[in-house]
Amino acid sequence: MHHRLNAVLKPHRLRRLSDVPVSGIICRANLERISLNLMRIGPAVDVWPGALEQFYLVQIPIHGSVDISHGQDRVRCAGTMAAVLSPREKLRLRWSDNCTQLMVQIPRDAIETRLAELGSKPTALRFATAFDLENPAAREWRWLLDFAVRSVDSGGVFSRDPLSAKLEDLLLSALLVTQPHNYLDVLRDHRGAAPYYVLQAERPMREEMPVALTVADLANGAGVSRRALHAGFRRFRSTTPMRRLTVMRLDAARRRLQEAEPGLTVSRAAAEVGFLQFGRFAGLAFGELPSATLQRALRRALS
């Protein structure tokens, strides 16, 4: 059983934890690039696969539970709580007795390519680990997955070319807009058919926020003229590039203040996101003075 699991997923350490008889099941089927895996082991086991490295894994409980340690996250995969495991995080799993899981194995390049097609070129896509299937959007994704499983099981038309590729793309796209991850804000900001140069200009706004960016910098990085960049932001973002940057900085500064730790000051939070004119920052803050946001966060941290 261990040898088969090594071959199906990746080499890993496994330690048996109970005397329950081994009653293993490994059923595996492919769409195009992703695979669907139904697994039952029997006895409780500890599993140490390390980082998954080359694939993402969605684990959905059918029976029993799996206690998951994934980077800094701790999740019990049981009932309606599933899990999405990302490649770069160290992973350890403890399966209960007679545990059965449906696992969707997604190659890194498959989902990262799909994310790029939706509007962002990822460098390290990382999903939130806990995947609550009680959430309405997640429940819809599970229905779509159930349809894919039934189609594969019956050899239906959606399990064969050319529809299997379309079904797979739909599963990947739906997961990307359903489960939180570090590029979700980019997808939510992507309106309709915004051209790539608009998205390319927004990247340094996020990744180089403290830098004193200019319209010329953004236009050069996006490979278009300043006039074209302004027109693109007017049409697809209903604003100008610099106003877009200001709003993004305000949002980031407010989040920083709301999650403040002792020692943080308003001036420091403003500087960290590129506001060097304190008065302007204070005047633009949403709803209340930045100092009031900071004081409330610090009181909450001490309570």
Protein backbone atom coordinates (compact mmCIF):
# COMPACT_ATOMS: atom_id res chain seq x y z
CA MET A 1 0.00 0.00 0.00
CA HIS A 2 2.80 2.40 0.93
CA HIS A 3 4.70 1.54 -2.24
CA ARG A 4 1.61 2.27 -4.34
CA LEU A 5 1.02 5.61 -2.59
CA ASN A 6 4.65 6.56 -3.26
CA ALA A 7 4.13 5.90 -6.95
CA VAL A 8 0.72 7.60 -7.24
CA LEU A 9 1.57 10.82 -5.39
CA LYS A 10 5.19 11.21 -4.28
CA PRO A 11 7.72 9.40 -2.07
CA HIS A 12 6.98 9.92 1.61
CA ARG A 13 7.44 8.49 5.08
CA LEU A 14 4.53 6.63 6.63
CA ARG A 15 4.05 5.24 10.13
CA ARG A 16 1.21 2.97 11.16
CA LEU A 17 -0.61 4.10 14.33
CA SER A 18 -3.21 1.37 14.99
CA ASP A 19 -3.91 -2.34 14.56
CA VAL A 20 -6.96 -1.83 12.33
CA PRO A 21 -6.55 -4.19 9.33
CA VAL A 22 -5.25 -2.69 6.11
CA SER A 23 -8.17 -2.28 3.72
CA GLY A 24 -6.63 -0.04 1.15
CA ILE A 25 -8.31 1.38 -1.91
CA ILE A 26 -6.56 3.55 -4.48
CA CYS A 27 -8.73 4.50 -7.47
CA ARG A 28 -7.16 6.98 -9.86
CA ALA A 29 -8.44 8.57 -13.07
CA ASN A 30 -7.28 11.50 -15.20
CA LEU A 31 -9.03 14.27 -17.06
CA GLU A 32 -6.35 16.08 -19.05
CA ARG A 33 -3.72 17.22 -16.59
CA ILE A 34 -5.45 16.81 -13.23
CA SER A 35 -6.16 13.46 -11.62
CA LEU A 36 -8.96 12.30 -9.33
CA ASN A 37 -7.93 9.92 -6.55
CA LEU A 38 -10.13 8.01 -4.12
CA MET A 39 -8.09 6.61 -1.23
CA ARG A 40 -8.71 4.55 1.89
CA ILE A 41 -5.89 3.15 4.00
CA GLY A 42 -7.58 1.36 6.95
CA PRO A 43 -5.33 1.84 9.98
CA ALA A 44 -4.54 5.30 11.27
CA VAL A 45 -1.23 6.53 9.88
CA ASP A 46 1.18 9.43 10.10
CA VAL A 47 2.34 10.64 6.69
CA TRP A 48 5.33 12.93 6.03
CA PRO A 49 5.53 13.87 2.35
CA GLY A 50 7.52 17.05 2.92
CA ALA A 51 6.64 19.76 0.39
CA LEU A 52 4.49 18.57 -2.50
CA GLU A 53 6.80 20.52 -4.84
CA GLN A 54 5.21 19.87 -8.24
CA PHE A 55 1.48 19.78 -7.59
CA TYR A 56 -1.44 21.15 -5.58
CA LEU A 57 -3.75 18.77 -3.76
CA VAL A 58 -7.40 19.30 -2.82
CA GLN A 59 -8.39 16.83 -0.07
CA ILE A 60 -12.10 16.18 0.47
CA PRO A 61 -13.23 13.98 3.36
CA ILE A 62 -15.59 11.09 2.62
CA HIS A 63 -15.23 9.19 5.91
CA GLY A 64 -13.06 9.77 8.96
CA SER A 65 -10.65 12.67 9.35
CA VAL A 66 -7.16 13.85 8.46
CA ASP A 67 -5.28 16.23 10.76
CA ILE A 68 -3.12 18.40 8.52
CA SER A 69 -0.05 20.44 9.39
CA HIS A 70 0.69 22.61 6.35
CA GLY A 71 3.29 25.30 6.83
CA GLN A 72 1.91 27.40 9.69
CA ASP A 73 -1.67 26.14 9.20
CA ARG A 74 -3.42 23.41 11.17
CA VAL A 75 -6.63 21.99 9.71
CA ARG A 76 -8.79 18.96 10.51
CA CYS A 77 -10.14 17.68 7.21
CA ALA A 78 -13.46 16.11 8.21
CA GLY A 79 -17.18 16.57 7.58
CA THR A 80 -17.59 19.60 5.35
CA MET A 81 -14.06 20.92 5.95
CA ALA A 82 -11.77 20.11 3.04
CA ALA A 83 -8.20 21.33 2.46
CA VAL A 84 -6.17 22.81 -0.38
CA LEU A 85 -2.46 22.00 -0.11
CA SER A 86 0.10 24.13 -1.94
CA PRO A 87 3.45 22.86 -3.25
CA ARG A 88 5.99 24.90 -1.31
CA GLU A 89 4.79 24.29 2.26
CA LYS A 90 6.07 21.46 4.46
CA LEU A 91 3.29 18.96 4.98
CA ARG A 92 2.41 16.32 7.57
CA LEU A 93 -0.88 14.40 7.73
CA ARG A 94 -2.40 12.08 10.33
CA TRP A 95 -5.15 9.87 8.90
CA SER A 96 -7.73 8.40 11.28
CA ASP A 97 -8.79 4.73 11.24
CA ASN A 98 -10.83 3.74 8.18
CA CYS A 99 -10.35 7.17 6.60
CA THR A 100 -11.48 7.73 3.02
CA GLN A 101 -10.59 10.86 1.04
CA LEU A 102 -11.22 12.14 -2.45
CA MET A 103 -8.07 13.92 -3.59
CA VAL A 104 -7.71 16.14 -6.65
CA GLN A 105 -4.09 16.34 -7.80
CA ILE A 106 -3.35 19.47 -9.86
CA PRO A 107 0.08 20.01 -11.50
CA ARG A 108 1.61 23.37 -10.67
CA ASP A 109 1.94 24.41 -14.29
CA ALA A 110 -1.71 23.58 -15.01
CA ILE A 111 -3.23 25.88 -12.39
CA GLU A 112 -0.57 28.58 -12.70
CA THR A 113 -1.14 28.67 -16.45
CA ARG A 114 -4.89 28.98 -15.85
CA LEU A 115 -4.29 31.83 -13.40
CA ALA A 116 -2.16 33.63 -15.98
CA GLU A 117 -4.94 33.24 -18.54
CA LEU A 118 -7.36 34.83 -16.08
CA GLY A 119 -5.20 37.90 -15.69
CA SER A 120 -2.12 37.36 -13.53
CA LYS A 121 1.27 35.72 -13.97
CA PRO A 122 1.95 34.01 -10.61
CA THR A 123 5.37 33.36 -9.12
CA ALA A 124 4.28 31.51 -5.96
CA LEU A 125 0.54 30.80 -5.90
CA ARG A 126 -0.47 29.80 -2.37
CA PHE A 127 -4.03 28.86 -1.38
CA ALA A 128 -5.54 29.14 2.07
CA THR A 129 -5.42 25.63 3.52
CA ALA A 130 -8.90 25.34 5.05
CA PHE A 131 -11.58 24.86 2.36
CA ASP A 132 -15.05 25.14 3.92
CA LEU A 133 -17.52 23.29 1.71
CA GLU A 134 -20.40 24.92 3.58
CA ASN A 135 -19.50 28.15 1.81
CA PRO A 136 -22.00 28.54 -1.08
CA ALA A 137 -19.31 29.06 -3.73
CA ALA A 138 -17.26 26.12 -2.43
CA ARG A 139 -20.39 23.98 -2.41
CA GLU A 140 -20.90 24.79 -6.10
CA TRP A 141 -17.29 23.78 -6.80
CA ARG A 142 -17.92 20.48 -5.02
CA TRP A 143 -21.02 19.90 -7.19
CA LEU A 144 -18.88 20.51 -10.28
CA LEU A 145 -16.28 18.06 -8.99
CA ASP A 146 -18.97 15.46 -8.30
CA PHE A 147 -20.15 15.87 -11.89
CA ALA A 148 -16.57 15.32 -13.13
CA VAL A 149 -16.22 12.19 -10.98
CA ARG A 150 -19.51 10.75 -12.23
CA SER A 151 -18.54 11.52 -15.83
CA VAL A 152 -15.16 9.81 -15.44
CA ASP A 153 -16.73 6.86 -13.61
CA SER A 154 -19.29 6.30 -16.36
CA GLY A 155 -16.97 7.12 -19.28
CA GLY A 156 -19.26 9.98 -20.28
CA VAL A 157 -18.55 12.52 -23.00
CA PHE A 158 -17.15 15.06 -20.49
CA SER A 159 -14.40 12.59 -19.56
CA ARG A 160 -13.11 12.43 -23.15
CA ASP A 161 -11.59 14.91 -25.61
CA PRO A 162 -12.43 17.62 -26.40
CA LEU A 163 -14.81 18.22 -23.48
CA SER A 164 -12.52 16.84 -20.78
CA ALA A 165 -10.13 19.77 -21.28
CA LYS A 166 -13.03 22.23 -21.01
CA LEU A 167 -14.29 20.55 -17.84
CA GLU A 168 -10.81 20.67 -16.36
CA ASP A 169 -10.41 24.38 -17.18
CA LEU A 170 -13.75 25.04 -15.53
CA LEU A 171 -12.71 23.16 -12.38
CA LEU A 172 -9.44 25.11 -12.18
CA SER A 173 -11.06 28.49 -12.88
CA ALA A 174 -13.79 27.87 -10.33
CA LEU A 175 -11.23 26.87 -7.68
CA LEU A 176 -9.24 30.05 -8.35
CA VAL A 177 -12.25 32.32 -7.82
CA THR A 178 -13.70 30.27 -4.94
CA GLN A 179 -10.81 29.50 -2.58
CA PRO A 180 -8.79 32.40 -1.08
CA HIS A 181 -5.20 32.68 -2.29
CA ASN A 182 -2.51 35.32 -2.60
CA TYR A 183 -3.63 36.39 -6.10
CA LEU A 184 -7.36 36.57 -5.44
CA ASP A 185 -7.42 40.39 -5.24
CA VAL A 186 -5.84 40.53 -8.69
CA LEU A 187 -8.57 38.31 -10.11
CA ARG A 188 -11.32 40.32 -8.41
CA ASP A 189 -9.85 43.52 -9.84
CA HIS A 190 -9.77 41.99 -13.31
CA ARG A 191 -12.87 43.40 -15.00
CA GLY A 192 -14.02 41.86 -18.22
CA ALA A 193 -11.40 41.80 -20.94
CA ALA A 194 -8.89 44.22 -19.43
CA PRO A 195 -5.77 44.17 -21.60
CA TYR A 196 -2.59 42.64 -20.30
CA TYR A 197 -0.77 46.01 -20.16
CA VAL A 198 -3.24 47.25 -17.51
CA LEU A 199 -2.61 44.14 -15.41
CA GLN A 200 1.12 44.46 -16.01
CA ALA A 201 1.07 48.06 -14.78
CA GLU A 202 -0.79 46.99 -11.62
CA ARG A 203 1.87 44.47 -10.69
CA PRO A 204 4.53 46.97 -9.51
CA MET A 205 1.74 48.88 -7.78
CA ARG A 206 1.36 45.81 -5.54
CA GLU A 207 4.85 44.40 -5.47
CA GLU A 208 6.81 47.68 -5.31
CA MET A 209 4.28 49.76 -3.39
CA PRO A 210 6.80 51.78 -1.31
CA VAL A 211 8.70 52.84 -4.46
CA ALA A 212 8.03 56.33 -5.84
CA LEU A 213 6.41 55.12 -9.06
CA THR A 214 5.48 57.46 -11.89
CA VAL A 215 3.15 57.05 -14.84
CA ALA A 216 6.23 56.84 -17.05
CA ASP A 217 7.60 53.97 -14.92
CA LEU A 218 4.31 52.09 -15.14
CA ALA A 219 3.95 52.68 -18.88
CA ASN A 220 7.52 51.57 -19.59
CA GLY A 221 7.06 48.44 -17.51
CA ALA A 222 3.83 47.61 -19.31
CA GLY A 223 5.34 48.29 -22.72
CA VAL A 224 2.88 50.99 -23.81
CA SER A 225 2.77 54.77 -24.06
CA ARG A 226 1.54 56.89 -21.17
CA ARG A 227 -1.45 57.92 -23.27
CA ALA A 228 -2.40 54.28 -23.92
CA LEU A 229 -1.97 53.45 -20.25
CA HIS A 230 -4.26 56.29 -19.19
CA ALA A 231 -6.86 55.22 -21.74
CA GLY A 232 -6.71 51.62 -20.54
CA PHE A 233 -7.18 52.57 -16.90
CA ARG A 234 -10.02 54.95 -17.77
CA ARG A 235 -11.83 52.25 -19.71
CA PHE A 236 -11.20 49.17 -17.55
CA ARG A 237 -10.64 50.64 -14.06
CA SER A 238 -12.68 53.86 -14.27
CA THR A 239 -9.77 55.83 -12.86
CA THR A 240 -6.23 56.96 -13.65
CA PRO A 241 -3.08 54.92 -12.98
CA MET A 242 -1.92 57.19 -10.13
CA ARG A 243 -5.34 57.29 -8.47
CA ARG A 244 -5.42 53.51 -8.69
CA LEU A 245 -2.03 53.38 -6.97
CA THR A 246 -3.23 55.77 -4.26
CA VAL A 247 -6.28 53.64 -3.49
CA MET A 248 -4.15 50.50 -3.35
CA ARG A 249 -1.73 52.21 -0.95
CA LEU A 250 -4.60 53.38 1.25
CA ASP A 251 -6.05 49.88 1.37
CA ALA A 252 -2.66 48.42 2.27
CA ALA A 253 -2.00 51.05 4.94
CA ARG A 254 -5.40 50.53 6.51
CA ARG A 255 -4.87 46.75 6.62
CA ARG A 256 -1.47 47.36 8.21
CA LEU A 257 -3.01 49.57 10.88
CA GLN A 258 -5.90 47.18 11.50
CA GLU A 259 -3.42 44.34 12.12
CA ALA A 260 -1.01 46.50 14.10
CA GLU A 261 1.48 45.09 16.57
CA PRO A 262 2.96 47.11 19.47
CA GLY A 263 5.53 49.57 18.21
CA LEU A 264 3.82 50.43 14.94
CA THR A 265 3.17 54.11 14.31
CA VAL A 266 0.97 55.81 11.74
CA SER A 267 4.03 57.43 10.14
CA ARG A 268 5.73 54.07 9.77
CA ALA A 269 2.63 52.42 8.30
CA ALA A 270 2.30 55.30 5.84
CA ALA A 271 5.96 55.08 4.79
CA GLU A 272 5.79 51.32 4.33
CA VAL A 273 3.23 51.72 1.56
CA GLY A 274 4.81 54.74 -0.10
CA PHE A 275 3.03 57.70 1.55
CA LEU A 276 5.83 60.16 2.28
CA GLN A 277 3.53 63.16 2.81
CA PHE A 278 1.90 62.38 6.13
CA GLY A 279 -0.74 65.10 5.93
CA ARG A 280 -1.94 63.84 2.57
CA PHE A 281 -2.09 60.30 3.90
CA ALA A 282 -4.14 61.36 6.93
CA GLY A 283 -6.52 63.38 4.80
CA LEU A 284 -7.19 60.53 2.40
CA ALA A 285 -7.71 57.74 4.94
CA PHE A 286 -11.08 56.03 4.77
CA GLY A 287 -13.75 56.88 7.30
CA GLU A 288 -11.61 57.87 10.29
CA LEU A 289 -8.19 59.19 11.22
CA PRO A 290 -5.38 56.63 10.86
CA SER A 291 -4.49 57.19 14.52
CA ALA A 292 -7.99 56.04 15.56
CA THR A 293 -7.65 52.88 13.44
CA LEU A 294 -4.27 52.17 15.05
CA GLN A 295 -5.45 52.77 18.61
CA ARG A 296 -8.42 50.46 18.18
CA ALA A 297 -6.18 47.70 16.78
CA LEU A 298 -3.69 48.04 19.64
CA ARG A 299 -6.48 47.91 22.25
CA ARG A 300 -7.81 44.77 20.62
CA ALA A 301 -4.35 43.18 20.62
CA LEU A 302 -3.97 43.85 24.37
CA SER A 303 -7.46 42.67 25.35
